[in-house]
Amino acid sequence: MTNPTTELAIRARRAAFNRAIVEGDVAAISSVLGRDVMMVTGSDSEVVAGRNAQLKVWRREFASPARMIYTRTPAAIAVSRIEPVALEHGHWQATEASSGRALAFGDYSAKWREVLGEWVIVAEIYATLG
């Protein structure tokens, strides 16, 4: 089902998440993640469980001299008719922060949930395709 208001809200939250990655803004990333968020990474299928664990990964990434910029681009967002959840499908790309050179790309899916009037990510799975 498509709900234009919800879809726009989720797209705006995804854009904020992308900006936070570019800016290295851990607090902004935190605001988009659900407390018990789960992420399965694209190459080694590492499971990162919980907001605090994911923020630790982001802090490490932002401090790295080989820092990457990850951009997620939604292709479709399906909104549930019966629950306050939505499923986003899209493409991601990793570029080297220092040069802008593309290093990897793939597809992803993200489950969102509305919590206290805000849409937050509760699960993400990534596949590295190139």
N, C-alpha and C. Protein backbone atom coordinates (compact mmCIF):
# COMPACT_ATOMS: atom_id res chain seq x y z
N MET A 1 0.85 -1.18 0.00
CA MET A 1 0.00 0.00 0.00
C MET A 1 0.89 1.24 0.00
N THR A 2 0.43 2.27 -0.65
CA THR A 2 1.15 3.54 -0.66
C THR A 2 0.38 4.55 0.17
N ASN A 3 1.07 5.18 1.07
CA ASN A 3 0.50 6.27 1.86
C ASN A 3 1.46 7.45 1.65
N PRO A 4 1.07 8.43 0.81
CA PRO A 4 2.00 9.50 0.45
C PRO A 4 2.57 10.27 1.63
N THR A 5 1.78 10.51 2.66
CA THR A 5 2.27 11.25 3.82
C THR A 5 3.34 10.45 4.55
N THR A 6 3.09 9.19 4.79
CA THR A 6 4.06 8.33 5.46
C THR A 6 5.29 8.15 4.59
N GLU A 7 5.10 7.91 3.32
CA GLU A 7 6.24 7.73 2.42
C GLU A 7 7.14 8.96 2.42
N LEU A 8 6.55 10.15 2.37
CA LEU A 8 7.35 11.38 2.41
C LEU A 8 8.09 11.52 3.74
N ALA A 9 7.44 11.14 4.84
CA ALA A 9 8.08 11.22 6.15
C ALA A 9 9.29 10.28 6.21
N ILE A 10 9.13 9.07 5.69
CA ILE A 10 10.24 8.11 5.70
C ILE A 10 11.35 8.57 4.77
N ARG A 11 11.01 9.07 3.61
CA ARG A 11 12.04 9.58 2.69
C ARG A 11 12.81 10.74 3.33
N ALA A 12 12.11 11.59 4.07
CA ALA A 12 12.78 12.71 4.76
C ALA A 12 13.70 12.19 5.85
N ARG A 13 13.27 11.17 6.58
CA ARG A 13 14.13 10.58 7.62
C ARG A 13 15.35 9.91 6.99
N ARG A 14 15.17 9.25 5.84
CA ARG A 14 16.30 8.62 5.15
C ARG A 14 17.29 9.70 4.69
N ALA A 15 16.77 10.80 4.16
CA ALA A 15 17.64 11.90 3.72
C ALA A 15 18.41 12.47 4.91
N ALA A 16 17.75 12.58 6.07
CA ALA A 16 18.43 13.07 7.28
C ALA A 16 19.53 12.10 7.69
N PHE A 17 19.26 10.81 7.59
CA PHE A 17 20.26 9.79 7.93
C PHE A 17 21.46 9.91 6.99
N ASN A 18 21.21 10.06 5.70
CA ASN A 18 22.30 10.23 4.73
C ASN A 18 23.14 11.47 5.04
N ARG A 19 22.47 12.59 5.37
CA ARG A 19 23.19 13.82 5.73
C ARG A 19 24.04 13.62 6.97
N ALA A 20 23.48 12.90 7.94
CA ALA A 20 24.21 12.64 9.19
C ALA A 20 25.48 11.84 8.93
N ILE A 21 25.43 10.91 8.00
CA ILE A 21 26.63 10.14 7.65
C ILE A 21 27.67 11.06 7.04
N VAL A 22 27.27 11.90 6.10
CA VAL A 22 28.20 12.83 5.47
C VAL A 22 28.84 13.74 6.52
N GLU A 23 28.03 14.22 7.45
CA GLU A 23 28.50 15.17 8.46
C GLU A 23 29.15 14.49 9.67
N GLY A 24 29.09 13.16 9.74
CA GLY A 24 29.65 12.46 10.90
C GLY A 24 28.89 12.78 12.17
N ASP A 25 27.59 12.94 12.07
CA ASP A 25 26.74 13.38 13.18
C ASP A 25 26.07 12.18 13.85
N VAL A 26 26.70 11.66 14.89
CA VAL A 26 26.19 10.48 15.58
C VAL A 26 24.85 10.75 16.24
N ALA A 27 24.66 11.94 16.79
CA ALA A 27 23.38 12.27 17.44
C ALA A 27 22.23 12.24 16.44
N ALA A 28 22.46 12.75 15.25
CA ALA A 28 21.41 12.73 14.22
C ALA A 28 21.11 11.30 13.78
N ILE A 29 22.14 10.48 13.67
CA ILE A 29 21.92 9.07 13.33
C ILE A 29 21.09 8.41 14.42
N SER A 30 21.45 8.67 15.67
CA SER A 30 20.75 8.08 16.80
C SER A 30 19.25 8.36 16.76
N SER A 31 18.88 9.57 16.34
CA SER A 31 17.47 9.96 16.33
C SER A 31 16.65 9.20 15.29
N VAL A 32 17.30 8.58 14.32
CA VAL A 32 16.59 7.85 13.27
C VAL A 32 16.53 6.35 13.58
N LEU A 33 17.29 5.90 14.55
CA LEU A 33 17.35 4.48 14.87
C LEU A 33 16.44 4.12 16.04
N GLY A 34 15.72 3.02 15.90
CA GLY A 34 14.97 2.48 17.01
C GLY A 34 15.92 1.94 18.06
N ARG A 35 15.45 1.86 19.29
CA ARG A 35 16.30 1.40 20.40
C ARG A 35 16.87 0.01 20.16
N ASP A 36 16.06 -0.90 19.63
CA ASP A 36 16.48 -2.28 19.42
C ASP A 36 16.77 -2.59 17.95
N VAL A 37 17.17 -1.60 17.19
CA VAL A 37 17.43 -1.74 15.76
C VAL A 37 18.42 -2.88 15.48
N MET A 38 18.19 -3.57 14.38
CA MET A 38 19.07 -4.65 13.95
C MET A 38 19.59 -4.30 12.55
N MET A 39 20.88 -4.51 12.34
CA MET A 39 21.46 -4.29 11.03
C MET A 39 22.29 -5.51 10.65
N VAL A 40 22.11 -5.99 9.42
CA VAL A 40 22.93 -7.06 8.88
C VAL A 40 23.75 -6.41 7.76
N THR A 41 25.08 -6.41 7.94
CA THR A 41 25.96 -5.71 7.01
C THR A 41 26.03 -6.43 5.66
N GLY A 42 26.52 -5.70 4.65
CA GLY A 42 26.46 -6.15 3.28
C GLY A 42 27.46 -7.18 2.84
N SER A 43 28.66 -7.17 3.38
CA SER A 43 29.69 -8.07 2.89
C SER A 43 29.85 -9.33 3.74
N ASP A 44 29.97 -9.15 5.05
CA ASP A 44 30.24 -10.29 5.91
C ASP A 44 29.03 -10.73 6.73
N SER A 45 27.88 -10.09 6.51
CA SER A 45 26.64 -10.40 7.22
C SER A 45 26.78 -10.33 8.74
N GLU A 46 27.64 -9.41 9.19
CA GLU A 46 27.74 -9.16 10.63
C GLU A 46 26.40 -8.61 11.11
N VAL A 47 25.95 -9.08 12.26
CA VAL A 47 24.72 -8.58 12.86
C VAL A 47 25.09 -7.55 13.93
N VAL A 48 24.58 -6.34 13.76
CA VAL A 48 24.81 -5.27 14.73
C VAL A 48 23.46 -5.05 15.43
N ALA A 49 23.40 -5.43 16.71
CA ALA A 49 22.14 -5.44 17.44
C ALA A 49 22.06 -4.28 18.43
N GLY A 50 21.06 -3.43 18.24
CA GLY A 50 20.79 -2.34 19.16
C GLY A 50 21.38 -1.01 18.72
N ARG A 51 20.71 0.06 19.13
CA ARG A 51 21.15 1.42 18.77
C ARG A 51 22.57 1.70 19.26
N ASN A 52 22.86 1.37 20.50
CA ASN A 52 24.18 1.67 21.04
C ASN A 52 25.29 0.95 20.28
N ALA A 53 25.06 -0.29 19.91
CA ALA A 53 26.06 -1.03 19.13
C ALA A 53 26.26 -0.38 17.77
N GLN A 54 25.18 0.04 17.14
CA GLN A 54 25.32 0.67 15.83
C GLN A 54 26.03 2.02 15.94
N LEU A 55 25.72 2.78 16.97
CA LEU A 55 26.40 4.08 17.14
C LEU A 55 27.89 3.88 17.37
N LYS A 56 28.26 2.82 18.05
CA LYS A 56 29.68 2.49 18.25
C LYS A 56 30.35 2.24 16.90
N VAL A 57 29.67 1.52 16.01
CA VAL A 57 30.20 1.27 14.67
C VAL A 57 30.37 2.58 13.92
N TRP A 58 29.37 3.48 14.00
CA TRP A 58 29.45 4.76 13.30
C TRP A 58 30.58 5.63 13.86
N ARG A 59 30.75 5.66 15.17
CA ARG A 59 31.85 6.44 15.75
C ARG A 59 33.20 5.94 15.24
N ARG A 60 33.35 4.63 15.18
CA ARG A 60 34.59 4.04 14.67
C ARG A 60 34.79 4.42 13.19
N GLU A 61 33.72 4.36 12.42
CA GLU A 61 33.81 4.71 10.99
C GLU A 61 34.19 6.18 10.81
N PHE A 62 33.57 7.07 11.58
CA PHE A 62 33.83 8.49 11.44
C PHE A 62 35.26 8.86 11.87
N ALA A 63 35.86 8.07 12.74
CA ALA A 63 37.23 8.33 13.20
C ALA A 63 38.29 7.73 12.29
N SER A 64 37.88 6.89 11.37
CA SER A 64 38.85 6.19 10.52
C SER A 64 39.47 7.10 9.47
N PRO A 65 40.79 6.99 9.24
CA PRO A 65 41.41 7.77 8.18
C PRO A 65 40.93 7.32 6.78
N ALA A 66 40.41 6.11 6.70
CA ALA A 66 39.87 5.60 5.43
C ALA A 66 38.34 5.69 5.44
N ARG A 67 37.83 6.75 6.00
CA ARG A 67 36.38 6.95 6.18
C ARG A 67 35.61 6.82 4.88
N MET A 68 34.46 6.19 4.99
CA MET A 68 33.57 5.99 3.85
C MET A 68 32.30 6.81 4.06
N ILE A 69 31.68 7.17 2.95
CA ILE A 69 30.36 7.80 2.97
C ILE A 69 29.40 6.78 2.35
N TYR A 70 28.38 6.42 3.12
CA TYR A 70 27.38 5.47 2.64
C TYR A 70 26.10 6.23 2.34
N THR A 71 25.60 6.06 1.13
CA THR A 71 24.38 6.74 0.71
C THR A 71 23.34 5.69 0.37
N ARG A 72 22.18 5.81 1.00
CA ARG A 72 21.06 4.92 0.71
C ARG A 72 20.05 5.70 -0.13
N THR A 73 19.60 5.09 -1.21
CA THR A 73 18.63 5.73 -2.09
C THR A 73 17.39 4.85 -2.19
N PRO A 74 16.30 5.27 -1.59
CA PRO A 74 15.08 4.45 -1.63
C PRO A 74 14.53 4.34 -3.05
N ALA A 75 14.12 3.13 -3.42
CA ALA A 75 13.46 2.90 -4.70
C ALA A 75 11.95 2.74 -4.49
N ALA A 76 11.56 2.12 -3.38
CA ALA A 76 10.14 1.91 -3.09
C ALA A 76 9.94 1.83 -1.58
N ILE A 77 8.78 2.31 -1.15
CA ILE A 77 8.40 2.22 0.26
C ILE A 77 6.96 1.71 0.31
N ALA A 78 6.78 0.58 0.98
CA ALA A 78 5.45 -0.01 1.15
C ALA A 78 5.02 0.22 2.59
N VAL A 79 3.83 0.77 2.76
CA VAL A 79 3.32 1.10 4.08
C VAL A 79 2.20 0.13 4.45
N SER A 80 2.28 -0.43 5.65
CA SER A 80 1.27 -1.37 6.12
C SER A 80 -0.08 -0.67 6.31
N ARG A 81 -1.14 -1.39 6.01
CA ARG A 81 -2.49 -0.89 6.25
C ARG A 81 -2.97 -1.18 7.67
N ILE A 82 -2.28 -2.12 8.35
CA ILE A 82 -2.80 -2.57 9.65
C ILE A 82 -1.86 -2.33 10.82
N GLU A 83 -0.61 -2.01 10.56
CA GLU A 83 0.36 -1.78 11.62
C GLU A 83 1.13 -0.49 11.31
N PRO A 84 1.71 0.15 12.31
CA PRO A 84 2.49 1.37 12.04
C PRO A 84 3.92 1.02 11.58
N VAL A 85 4.00 0.26 10.47
CA VAL A 85 5.28 -0.17 9.92
C VAL A 85 5.31 0.07 8.42
N ALA A 86 6.53 0.14 7.90
CA ALA A 86 6.72 0.30 6.46
C ALA A 86 8.01 -0.42 6.07
N LEU A 87 8.09 -0.81 4.81
CA LEU A 87 9.27 -1.49 4.30
C LEU A 87 9.84 -0.69 3.13
N GLU A 88 11.10 -0.32 3.27
CA GLU A 88 11.82 0.45 2.26
C GLU A 88 12.78 -0.48 1.52
N HIS A 89 12.80 -0.38 0.21
CA HIS A 89 13.78 -1.10 -0.61
C HIS A 89 14.55 -0.06 -1.40
N GLY A 90 15.85 -0.30 -1.57
CA GLY A 90 16.62 0.65 -2.34
C GLY A 90 18.01 0.18 -2.65
N HIS A 91 18.82 1.14 -3.04
CA HIS A 91 20.20 0.88 -3.45
C HIS A 91 21.12 1.70 -2.55
N TRP A 92 22.30 1.17 -2.28
CA TRP A 92 23.28 1.91 -1.48
C TRP A 92 24.59 1.97 -2.25
N GLN A 93 25.39 2.97 -1.88
CA GLN A 93 26.71 3.13 -2.48
C GLN A 93 27.66 3.62 -1.40
N ALA A 94 28.87 3.09 -1.43
CA ALA A 94 29.93 3.52 -0.52
C ALA A 94 30.98 4.25 -1.34
N THR A 95 31.31 5.47 -0.91
CA THR A 95 32.35 6.24 -1.57
C THR A 95 33.42 6.60 -0.55
N GLU A 96 34.62 6.75 -1.04
CA GLU A 96 35.72 7.18 -0.20
C GLU A 96 35.53 8.65 0.14
N ALA A 97 35.53 8.99 1.42
CA ALA A 97 35.26 10.37 1.83
C ALA A 97 36.30 11.33 1.29
N SER A 98 37.54 10.92 1.26
CA SER A 98 38.61 11.83 0.86
C SER A 98 38.61 12.13 -0.64
N SER A 99 38.18 11.18 -1.46
CA SER A 99 38.26 11.37 -2.91
C SER A 99 36.91 11.36 -3.62
N GLY A 100 35.88 10.81 -2.96
CA GLY A 100 34.57 10.67 -3.61
C GLY A 100 34.50 9.48 -4.54
N ARG A 101 35.57 8.69 -4.59
CA ARG A 101 35.63 7.53 -5.48
C ARG A 101 34.69 6.44 -4.97
N ALA A 102 33.85 5.92 -5.88
CA ALA A 102 32.92 4.85 -5.53
C ALA A 102 33.70 3.56 -5.31
N LEU A 103 33.42 2.88 -4.19
CA LEU A 103 34.15 1.66 -3.85
C LEU A 103 33.27 0.42 -3.80
N ALA A 104 32.00 0.57 -3.50
CA ALA A 104 31.10 -0.58 -3.41
C ALA A 104 29.66 -0.10 -3.56
N PHE A 105 28.79 -1.05 -3.90
CA PHE A 105 27.37 -0.72 -4.02
C PHE A 105 26.55 -1.98 -3.79
N GLY A 106 25.26 -1.80 -3.64
CA GLY A 106 24.38 -2.94 -3.47
C GLY A 106 22.95 -2.53 -3.25
N ASP A 107 22.18 -3.47 -2.74
CA ASP A 107 20.77 -3.24 -2.45
C ASP A 107 20.54 -3.40 -0.95
N TYR A 108 19.44 -2.84 -0.48
CA TYR A 108 19.09 -2.95 0.93
C TYR A 108 17.58 -2.96 1.11
N SER A 109 17.17 -3.43 2.27
CA SER A 109 15.79 -3.31 2.72
C SER A 109 15.83 -2.80 4.16
N ALA A 110 14.89 -1.94 4.48
CA ALA A 110 14.81 -1.39 5.84
C ALA A 110 13.36 -1.44 6.30
N LYS A 111 13.17 -1.91 7.53
CA LYS A 111 11.84 -1.88 8.15
C LYS A 111 11.79 -0.68 9.07
N TRP A 112 10.74 0.10 8.93
CA TRP A 112 10.51 1.30 9.74
C TRP A 112 9.30 1.07 10.63
N ARG A 113 9.29 1.73 11.79
CA ARG A 113 8.14 1.68 12.69
C ARG A 113 7.89 3.09 13.21
N GLU A 114 6.63 3.45 13.30
CA GLU A 114 6.28 4.75 13.89
C GLU A 114 6.23 4.57 15.41
N VAL A 115 7.04 5.35 16.09
CA VAL A 115 7.13 5.30 17.55
C VAL A 115 6.95 6.72 18.07
N LEU A 116 5.91 6.93 18.84
CA LEU A 116 5.62 8.26 19.42
C LEU A 116 5.62 9.35 18.34
N GLY A 117 5.03 9.03 17.19
CA GLY A 117 4.88 10.02 16.13
C GLY A 117 6.08 10.19 15.22
N GLU A 118 7.17 9.45 15.45
CA GLU A 118 8.37 9.53 14.60
C GLU A 118 8.63 8.18 13.96
N TRP A 119 9.04 8.21 12.71
CA TRP A 119 9.42 6.98 12.02
C TRP A 119 10.88 6.68 12.30
N VAL A 120 11.14 5.46 12.80
CA VAL A 120 12.50 5.03 13.11
C VAL A 120 12.79 3.70 12.42
N ILE A 121 14.06 3.48 12.15
CA ILE A 121 14.50 2.23 11.54
C ILE A 121 14.57 1.18 12.64
N VAL A 122 13.95 0.01 12.39
CA VAL A 122 14.02 -1.08 13.36
C VAL A 122 14.81 -2.26 12.83
N ALA A 123 15.02 -2.33 11.52
CA ALA A 123 15.84 -3.41 10.96
C ALA A 123 16.30 -3.01 9.56
N GLU A 124 17.53 -3.40 9.26
CA GLU A 124 18.09 -3.17 7.92
C GLU A 124 18.92 -4.38 7.53
N ILE A 125 18.88 -4.72 6.25
CA ILE A 125 19.73 -5.77 5.71
C ILE A 125 20.32 -5.27 4.40
N TYR A 126 21.61 -5.48 4.25
CA TYR A 126 22.34 -4.99 3.09
C TYR A 126 22.97 -6.16 2.34
N ALA A 127 23.05 -6.02 1.02
CA ALA A 127 23.78 -6.98 0.18
C ALA A 127 24.77 -6.19 -0.66
N THR A 128 26.03 -6.57 -0.60
CA THR A 128 27.06 -5.94 -1.43
C THR A 128 27.06 -6.67 -2.77
N LEU A 129 26.81 -5.92 -3.85
CA LEU A 129 26.69 -6.52 -5.17
C LEU A 129 27.84 -6.14 -6.10
N GLY A 130 28.60 -5.16 -5.74
CA GLY A 130 29.72 -4.77 -6.58
C GLY A 130 30.62 -3.78 -5.89
